[in-house]
Amino acid sequence: MFAPWRRIITPPGSSLDQRLKAIADNMVSRAVGFTVRLMALLAAALILAGYTVFGGILVVLWPLLPILGPALIVGGLL
């Protein structure tokens, strides 16, 4: 989860200023990577939950389909 986004890393330089800048850049890259991966996981979980609910409704209604045809004919005649 905390891998850098698109493997964008900044190599540390020789001076303290360059090292601190590299650490900050790498932390931002890891934060972006974490956020993107987390949003992808949440979206996948939401889609999976939707398919589960839809599938459960379909499983309950599937046995009623043979009754639906005659019921619509009778309802149309009345």
PDB file of N, CA and C in Angstrom:
ATOM      1  N   MET A   1       0.820  -1.201   0.000  1.00  0.00           N
ATOM      2  CA  MET A   1       0.000   0.000   0.000  1.00  0.00           C
ATOM      3  C   MET A   1       0.864   1.266   0.000  1.00  0.00           C
ATOM      4  N   PHE A   2       2.023   1.198   0.625  1.00  0.00           N
ATOM      5  CA  PHE A   2       2.831   2.406   0.755  1.00  0.00           C
ATOM      6  C   PHE A   2       3.959   2.476  -0.266  1.00  0.00           C
ATOM      7  N   ALA A   3       3.847   1.724  -1.347  1.00  0.00           N
ATOM      8  CA  ALA A   3       4.852   1.818  -2.407  1.00  0.00           C
ATOM      9  C   ALA A   3       4.707   3.177  -3.090  1.00  0.00           C
ATOM     10  N   PRO A   4       5.799   3.729  -3.579  1.00  0.00           N
ATOM     11  CA  PRO A   4       5.702   5.033  -4.245  1.00  0.00           C
ATOM     12  C   PRO A   4       4.822   4.963  -5.485  1.00  0.00           C
ATOM     13  N   TRP A   5       4.132   6.048  -5.765  1.00  0.00           N
ATOM     14  CA  TRP A   5       3.252   6.109  -6.926  1.00  0.00           C
ATOM     15  C   TRP A   5       4.082   6.047  -8.197  1.00  0.00           C
ATOM     16  N   ARG A   6       3.790   5.099  -9.043  1.00  0.00           N
ATOM     17  CA  ARG A   6       4.474   4.895 -10.319  1.00  0.00           C
ATOM     18  C   ARG A   6       5.991   4.827 -10.160  1.00  0.00           C
ATOM     19  N   ARG A   7       6.410   4.360  -9.007  1.00  0.00           N
ATOM     20  CA  ARG A   7       7.840   4.203  -8.692  1.00  0.00           C
ATOM     21  C   ARG A   7       8.617   5.496  -8.871  1.00  0.00           C
ATOM     22  N   ILE A   8       7.977   6.600  -8.608  1.00  0.00           N
ATOM     23  CA  ILE A   8       8.638   7.903  -8.692  1.00  0.00           C
ATOM     24  C   ILE A   8       9.345   8.140  -7.358  1.00  0.00           C
ATOM     25  N   ILE A   9      10.646   8.027  -7.368  1.00  0.00           N
ATOM     26  CA  ILE A   9      11.427   8.280  -6.170  1.00  0.00           C
ATOM     27  C   ILE A   9      12.543   9.259  -6.510  1.00  0.00           C
ATOM     28  N   THR A  10      12.922  10.012  -5.515  1.00  0.00           N
ATOM     29  CA  THR A  10      14.005  10.977  -5.675  1.00  0.00           C
ATOM     30  C   THR A  10      15.220  10.447  -4.925  1.00  0.00           C
ATOM     31  N   PRO A  11      16.337  10.237  -5.613  1.00  0.00           N
ATOM     32  CA  PRO A  11      17.527   9.756  -4.905  1.00  0.00           C
ATOM     33  C   PRO A  11      18.094  10.854  -4.019  1.00  0.00           C
ATOM     34  N   PRO A  12      18.574  10.488  -2.825  1.00  0.00           N
ATOM     35  CA  PRO A  12      19.129  11.520  -1.935  1.00  0.00           C
ATOM     36  C   PRO A  12      20.452  12.047  -2.488  1.00  0.00           C
ATOM     37  N   GLY A  13      20.659  13.308  -2.308  1.00  0.00           N
ATOM     38  CA  GLY A  13      21.900  13.942  -2.755  1.00  0.00           C
ATOM     39  C   GLY A  13      22.966  13.884  -1.673  1.00  0.00           C
ATOM     40  N   SER A  14      23.968  14.712  -1.821  1.00  0.00           N
ATOM     41  CA  SER A  14      25.081  14.697  -0.872  1.00  0.00           C
ATOM     42  C   SER A  14      24.879  15.688   0.279  1.00  0.00           C
ATOM     43  N   SER A  15      24.134  16.740   0.045  1.00  0.00           N
ATOM     44  CA  SER A  15      23.947  17.736   1.110  1.00  0.00           C
ATOM     45  C   SER A  15      22.690  17.426   1.918  1.00  0.00           C
ATOM     46  N   LEU A  16      22.626  17.993   3.096  1.00  0.00           N
ATOM     47  CA  LEU A  16      21.479  17.783   3.987  1.00  0.00           C
ATOM     48  C   LEU A  16      20.203  18.340   3.359  1.00  0.00           C
ATOM     49  N   ASP A  17      20.284  19.477   2.685  1.00  0.00           N
ATOM     50  CA  ASP A  17      19.119  20.079   2.034  1.00  0.00           C
ATOM     51  C   ASP A  17      18.561  19.157   0.953  1.00  0.00           C
ATOM     52  N   GLN A  18      19.430  18.562   0.164  1.00  0.00           N
ATOM     53  CA  GLN A  18      18.974  17.647  -0.896  1.00  0.00           C
ATOM     54  C   GLN A  18      18.369  16.383  -0.305  1.00  0.00           C
ATOM     55  N   ARG A  19      18.934  15.902   0.780  1.00  0.00           N
ATOM     56  CA  ARG A  19      18.384  14.693   1.431  1.00  0.00           C
ATOM     57  C   ARG A  19      16.988  14.955   2.004  1.00  0.00           C
ATOM     58  N   LEU A  20      16.828  16.113   2.636  1.00  0.00           N
ATOM     59  CA  LEU A  20      15.510  16.450   3.193  1.00  0.00           C
ATOM     60  C   LEU A  20      14.484  16.640   2.080  1.00  0.00           C
ATOM     61  N   LYS A  21      14.896  17.239   0.976  1.00  0.00           N
ATOM     62  CA  LYS A  21      13.990  17.412  -0.168  1.00  0.00           C
ATOM     63  C   LYS A  21      13.617  16.053  -0.757  1.00  0.00           C
ATOM     64  N   ALA A  22      14.577  15.133  -0.832  1.00  0.00           N
ATOM     65  CA  ALA A  22      14.307  13.791  -1.346  1.00  0.00           C
ATOM     66  C   ALA A  22      13.345  13.045  -0.427  1.00  0.00           C
ATOM     67  N   ILE A  23      13.529  13.192   0.877  1.00  0.00           N
ATOM     68  CA  ILE A  23      12.620  12.536   1.838  1.00  0.00           C
ATOM     69  C   ILE A  23      11.205  13.091   1.677  1.00  0.00           C
ATOM     70  N   ALA A  24      11.088  14.398   1.542  1.00  0.00           N
ATOM     71  CA  ALA A  24       9.759  15.007   1.383  1.00  0.00           C
ATOM     72  C   ALA A  24       9.115  14.556   0.068  1.00  0.00           C
ATOM     73  N   ASP A  25       9.884  14.548  -1.013  1.00  0.00           N
ATOM     74  CA  ASP A  25       9.340  14.098  -2.307  1.00  0.00           C
ATOM     75  C   ASP A  25       8.891  12.649  -2.244  1.00  0.00           C
ATOM     76  N   ASN A  26       9.696  11.813  -1.611  1.00  0.00           N
ATOM     77  CA  ASN A  26       9.348  10.392  -1.522  1.00  0.00           C
ATOM     78  C   ASN A  26       8.124  10.166  -0.629  1.00  0.00           C
ATOM     79  N   MET A  27       7.991  10.955   0.423  1.00  0.00           N
ATOM     80  CA  MET A  27       6.810  10.828   1.289  1.00  0.00           C
ATOM     81  C   MET A  27       5.543  11.255   0.543  1.00  0.00           C
ATOM     82  N   VAL A  28       5.634  12.310  -0.247  1.00  0.00           N
ATOM     83  CA  VAL A  28       4.477  12.748  -1.040  1.00  0.00           C
ATOM     84  C   VAL A  28       4.117  11.670  -2.057  1.00  0.00           C
ATOM     85  N   SER A  29       5.121  11.087  -2.693  1.00  0.00           N
ATOM     86  CA  SER A  29       4.871  10.034  -3.676  1.00  0.00           C
ATOM     87  C   SER A  29       4.207   8.823  -3.025  1.00  0.00           C
ATOM     88  N   ARG A  30       4.650   8.469  -1.820  1.00  0.00           N
ATOM     89  CA  ARG A  30       4.045   7.346  -1.114  1.00  0.00           C
ATOM     90  C   ARG A  30       2.620   7.673  -0.659  1.00  0.00           C
ATOM     91  N   ALA A  31       2.385   8.917  -0.255  1.00  0.00           N
ATOM     92  CA  ALA A  31       1.034   9.318   0.146  1.00  0.00           C
ATOM     93  C   ALA A  31       0.080   9.265  -1.044  1.00  0.00           C
ATOM     94  N   VAL A  32       0.540   9.719  -2.199  1.00  0.00           N
ATOM     95  CA  VAL A  32      -0.295   9.646  -3.400  1.00  0.00           C
ATOM     96  C   VAL A  32      -0.557   8.188  -3.758  1.00  0.00           C
ATOM     97  N   GLY A  33       0.478   7.349  -3.694  1.00  0.00           N
ATOM     98  CA  GLY A  33       0.302   5.924  -3.979  1.00  0.00           C
ATOM     99  C   GLY A  33      -0.689   5.268  -3.037  1.00  0.00           C
ATOM    100  N   PHE A  34      -0.588   5.595  -1.751  1.00  0.00           N
ATOM    101  CA  PHE A  34      -1.523   5.052  -0.768  1.00  0.00           C
ATOM    102  C   PHE A  34      -2.952   5.492  -1.060  1.00  0.00           C
ATOM    103  N   THR A  35      -3.141   6.769  -1.364  1.00  0.00           N
ATOM    104  CA  THR A  35      -4.479   7.301  -1.617  1.00  0.00           C
ATOM    105  C   THR A  35      -5.105   6.665  -2.858  1.00  0.00           C
ATOM    106  N   VAL A  36      -4.337   6.559  -3.926  1.00  0.00           N
ATOM    107  CA  VAL A  36      -4.869   5.979  -5.159  1.00  0.00           C
ATOM    108  C   VAL A  36      -5.226   4.507  -4.947  1.00  0.00           C
ATOM    109  N   ARG A  37      -4.355   3.776  -4.278  1.00  0.00           N
ATOM    110  CA  ARG A  37      -4.631   2.351  -4.035  1.00  0.00           C
ATOM    111  C   ARG A  37      -5.820   2.168  -3.102  1.00  0.00           C
ATOM    112  N   LEU A  38      -5.933   3.009  -2.090  1.00  0.00           N
ATOM    113  CA  LEU A  38      -7.063   2.923  -1.167  1.00  0.00           C
ATOM    114  C   LEU A  38      -8.376   3.216  -1.885  1.00  0.00           C
ATOM    115  N   MET A  39      -8.402   4.241  -2.726  1.00  0.00           N
ATOM    116  CA  MET A  39      -9.619   4.568  -3.471  1.00  0.00           C
ATOM    117  C   MET A  39      -9.989   3.430  -4.431  1.00  0.00           C
ATOM    118  N   ALA A  40      -8.999   2.806  -5.042  1.00  0.00           N
ATOM    119  CA  ALA A  40      -9.279   1.682  -5.936  1.00  0.00           C
ATOM    120  C   ALA A  40      -9.875   0.510  -5.157  1.00  0.00           C
ATOM    121  N   LEU A  41      -9.343   0.240  -3.973  1.00  0.00           N
ATOM    122  CA  LEU A  41      -9.894  -0.841  -3.153  1.00  0.00           C
ATOM    123  C   LEU A  41     -11.312  -0.530  -2.685  1.00  0.00           C
ATOM    124  N   LEU A  42     -11.559   0.706  -2.290  1.00  0.00           N
ATOM    125  CA  LEU A  42     -12.903   1.089  -1.851  1.00  0.00           C
ATOM    126  C   LEU A  42     -13.910   1.017  -2.996  1.00  0.00           C
ATOM    127  N   ALA A  43     -13.492   1.442  -4.191  1.00  0.00           N
ATOM    128  CA  ALA A  43     -14.384   1.366  -5.353  1.00  0.00           C
ATOM    129  C   ALA A  43     -14.682  -0.092  -5.688  1.00  0.00           C
ATOM    130  N   ALA A  44     -13.674  -0.953  -5.616  1.00  0.00           N
ATOM    131  CA  ALA A  44     -13.892  -2.372  -5.895  1.00  0.00           C
ATOM    132  C   ALA A  44     -14.827  -2.997  -4.863  1.00  0.00           C
ATOM    133  N   ALA A  45     -14.667  -2.629  -3.595  1.00  0.00           N
ATOM    134  CA  ALA A  45     -15.553  -3.153  -2.551  1.00  0.00           C
ATOM    135  C   ALA A  45     -16.986  -2.682  -2.752  1.00  0.00           C
ATOM    136  N   LEU A  46     -17.160  -1.435  -3.158  1.00  0.00           N
ATOM    137  CA  LEU A  46     -18.501  -0.899  -3.409  1.00  0.00           C
ATOM    138  C   LEU A  46     -19.161  -1.612  -4.587  1.00  0.00           C
ATOM    139  N   ILE A  47     -18.410  -1.827  -5.647  1.00  0.00           N
ATOM    140  CA  ILE A  47     -18.956  -2.536  -6.813  1.00  0.00           C
ATOM    141  C   ILE A  47     -19.290  -3.977  -6.452  1.00  0.00           C
ATOM    142  N   LEU A  48     -18.412  -4.626  -5.681  1.00  0.00           N
ATOM    143  CA  LEU A  48     -18.675  -5.997  -5.259  1.00  0.00           C
ATOM    144  C   LEU A  48     -19.930  -6.083  -4.394  1.00  0.00           C
ATOM    145  N   ALA A  49     -20.118  -5.115  -3.505  1.00  0.00           N
ATOM    146  CA  ALA A  49     -21.321  -5.101  -2.666  1.00  0.00           C
ATOM    147  C   ALA A  49     -22.573  -4.900  -3.524  1.00  0.00           C
ATOM    148  N   GLY A  50     -22.484  -4.030  -4.533  1.00  0.00           N
ATOM    149  CA  GLY A  50     -23.628  -3.824  -5.424  1.00  0.00           C
ATOM    150  C   GLY A  50     -23.983  -5.079  -6.204  1.00  0.00           C
ATOM    151  N   TYR A  51     -22.969  -5.757  -6.720  1.00  0.00           N
ATOM    152  CA  TYR A  51     -23.227  -7.006  -7.435  1.00  0.00           C
ATOM    153  C   TYR A  51     -23.801  -8.075  -6.511  1.00  0.00           C
ATOM    154  N   THR A  52     -23.362  -8.092  -5.262  1.00  0.00           N
ATOM    155  CA  THR A  52     -23.882  -9.070  -4.312  1.00  0.00           C
ATOM    156  C   THR A  52     -25.362  -8.827  -4.028  1.00  0.00           C
ATOM    157  N   VAL A  53     -25.728  -7.583  -3.815  1.00  0.00           N
ATOM    158  CA  VAL A  53     -27.142  -7.238  -3.564  1.00  0.00           C
ATOM    159  C   VAL A  53     -27.982  -7.557  -4.800  1.00  0.00           C
ATOM    160  N   PHE A  54     -27.514  -7.137  -5.985  1.00  0.00           N
ATOM    161  CA  PHE A  54     -28.254  -7.405  -7.217  1.00  0.00           C
ATOM    162  C   PHE A  54     -28.394  -8.903  -7.468  1.00  0.00           C
ATOM    163  N   GLY A  55     -27.318  -9.647  -7.226  1.00  0.00           N
ATOM    164  CA  GLY A  55     -27.367 -11.099  -7.402  1.00  0.00           C
ATOM    165  C   GLY A  55     -28.318 -11.759  -6.426  1.00  0.00           C
ATOM    166  N   GLY A  56     -28.341 -11.277  -5.189  1.00  0.00           N
ATOM    167  CA  GLY A  56     -29.268 -11.840  -4.194  1.00  0.00           C
ATOM    168  C   GLY A  56     -30.715 -11.597  -4.581  1.00  0.00           C
ATOM    169  N   ILE A  57     -31.017 -10.404  -5.069  1.00  0.00           N
ATOM    170  CA  ILE A  57     -32.380 -10.106  -5.526  1.00  0.00           C
ATOM    171  C   ILE A  57     -32.742 -10.984  -6.717  1.00  0.00           C
ATOM    172  N   LEU A  58     -31.794 -11.167  -7.619  1.00  0.00           N
ATOM    173  CA  LEU A  58     -32.039 -11.989  -8.806  1.00  0.00           C
ATOM    174  C   LEU A  58     -32.279 -13.450  -8.437  1.00  0.00           C
ATOM    175  N   VAL A  59     -31.539 -13.953  -7.456  1.00  0.00           N
ATOM    176  CA  VAL A  59     -31.718 -15.341  -7.018  1.00  0.00           C
ATOM    177  C   VAL A  59     -33.104 -15.526  -6.403  1.00  0.00           C
ATOM    178  N   VAL A  60     -33.589 -14.525  -5.683  1.00  0.00           N
ATOM    179  CA  VAL A  60     -34.913 -14.618  -5.066  1.00  0.00           C
ATOM    180  C   VAL A  60     -36.010 -14.534  -6.127  1.00  0.00           C
ATOM    181  N   LEU A  61     -35.840 -13.672  -7.126  1.00  0.00           N
ATOM    182  CA  LEU A  61     -36.885 -13.474  -8.133  1.00  0.00           C
ATOM    183  C   LEU A  61     -36.870 -14.524  -9.245  1.00  0.00           C
ATOM    184  N   TRP A  62     -35.751 -15.214  -9.453  1.00  0.00           N
ATOM    185  CA  TRP A  62     -35.633 -16.166 -10.564  1.00  0.00           C
ATOM    186  C   TRP A  62     -36.704 -17.266 -10.535  1.00  0.00           C
ATOM    187  N   PRO A  63     -37.019 -17.884  -9.392  1.00  0.00           N
ATOM    188  CA  PRO A  63     -38.070 -18.911  -9.382  1.00  0.00           C
ATOM    189  C   PRO A  63     -39.469 -18.353  -9.679  1.00  0.00           C
ATOM    190  N   LEU A  64     -39.664 -17.061  -9.545  1.00  0.00           N
ATOM    191  CA  LEU A  64     -40.982 -16.469  -9.787  1.00  0.00           C
ATOM    192  C   LEU A  64     -41.231 -16.179 -11.266  1.00  0.00           C
ATOM    193  N   LEU A  65     -40.225 -16.276 -12.113  1.00  0.00           N
ATOM    194  CA  LEU A  65     -40.397 -15.964 -13.528  1.00  0.00           C
ATOM    195  C   LEU A  65     -41.412 -16.866 -14.245  1.00  0.00           C
ATOM    196  N   PRO A  66     -41.466 -18.180 -13.979  1.00  0.00           N
ATOM    197  CA  PRO A  66     -42.501 -18.978 -14.647  1.00  0.00           C
ATOM    198  C   PRO A  66     -43.927 -18.570 -14.282  1.00  0.00           C
ATOM    199  N   ILE A  67     -44.122 -18.027 -13.110  1.00  0.00           N
ATOM    200  CA  ILE A  67     -45.454 -17.587 -12.677  1.00  0.00           C
ATOM    201  C   ILE A  67     -45.802 -16.240 -13.304  1.00  0.00           C
ATOM    202  N   LEU A  68     -44.801 -15.465 -13.659  1.00  0.00           N
ATOM    203  CA  LEU A  68     -45.007 -14.112 -14.175  1.00  0.00           C
ATOM    204  C   LEU A  68     -45.768 -14.103 -15.496  1.00  0.00           C
ATOM    205  N   GLY A  69     -45.470 -15.036 -16.403  1.00  0.00           N
ATOM    206  CA  GLY A  69     -46.139 -15.066 -17.709  1.00  0.00           C
ATOM    207  C   GLY A  69     -47.641 -15.224 -17.597  1.00  0.00           C
ATOM    208  N   PRO A  70     -48.126 -16.309 -16.975  1.00  0.00           N
ATOM    209  CA  PRO A  70     -49.592 -16.440 -16.804  1.00  0.00           C
ATOM    210  C   PRO A  70     -50.212 -15.311 -15.994  1.00  0.00           C
ATOM    211  N   ALA A  71     -49.480 -14.773 -15.021  1.00  0.00           N
ATOM    212  CA  ALA A  71     -50.031 -13.698 -14.199  1.00  0.00           C
ATOM    213  C   ALA A  71     -50.228 -12.442 -15.056  1.00  0.00           C
ATOM    214  N   LEU A  72     -49.325 -12.166 -15.965  1.00  0.00           N
ATOM    215  CA  LEU A  72     -49.489 -11.009 -16.843  1.00  0.00           C
ATOM    216  C   LEU A  72     -50.630 -11.199 -17.820  1.00  0.00           C
ATOM    217  N   ILE A  73     -50.806 -12.427 -18.315  1.00  0.00           N
ATOM    218  CA  ILE A  73     -51.933 -12.702 -19.232  1.00  0.00           C
ATOM    219  C   ILE A  73     -53.252 -12.504 -18.501  1.00  0.00           C
ATOM    220  N   VAL A  74     -53.360 -13.069 -17.307  1.00  0.00           N
ATOM    221  CA  VAL A  74     -54.606 -12.942 -16.526  1.00  0.00           C
ATOM    222  C   VAL A  74     -54.827 -11.473 -16.174  1.00  0.00           C
ATOM    223  N   GLY A  75     -53.771 -10.781 -15.790  1.00  0.00           N
ATOM    224  CA  GLY A  75     -53.912  -9.370 -15.443  1.00  0.00           C
ATOM    225  C   GLY A  75     -54.337  -8.540 -16.649  1.00  0.00           C
ATOM    226  N   GLY A  76     -53.871  -8.890 -17.849  1.00  0.00           N
ATOM    227  CA  GLY A  76     -54.253  -8.179 -19.059  1.00  0.00           C
ATOM    228  C   GLY A  76     -55.708  -8.433 -19.430  1.00  0.00           C
ATOM    229  N   LEU A  77     -56.199  -9.632 -19.178  1.00  0.00           N
ATOM    230  CA  LEU A  77     -57.588  -9.947 -19.497  1.00  0.00           C
ATOM    231  C   LEU A  77     -58.561  -9.308 -18.525  1.00  0.00           C
ATOM    232  N   LEU A  78     -58.120  -9.090 -17.304  1.00  0.00           N
ATOM    233  CA  LEU A  78     -59.022  -8.488 -16.329  1.00  0.00           C
ATOM    234  C   LEU A  78     -59.034  -7.002 -16.518  1.00  0.00           C
TER     235      LEU A  78
END
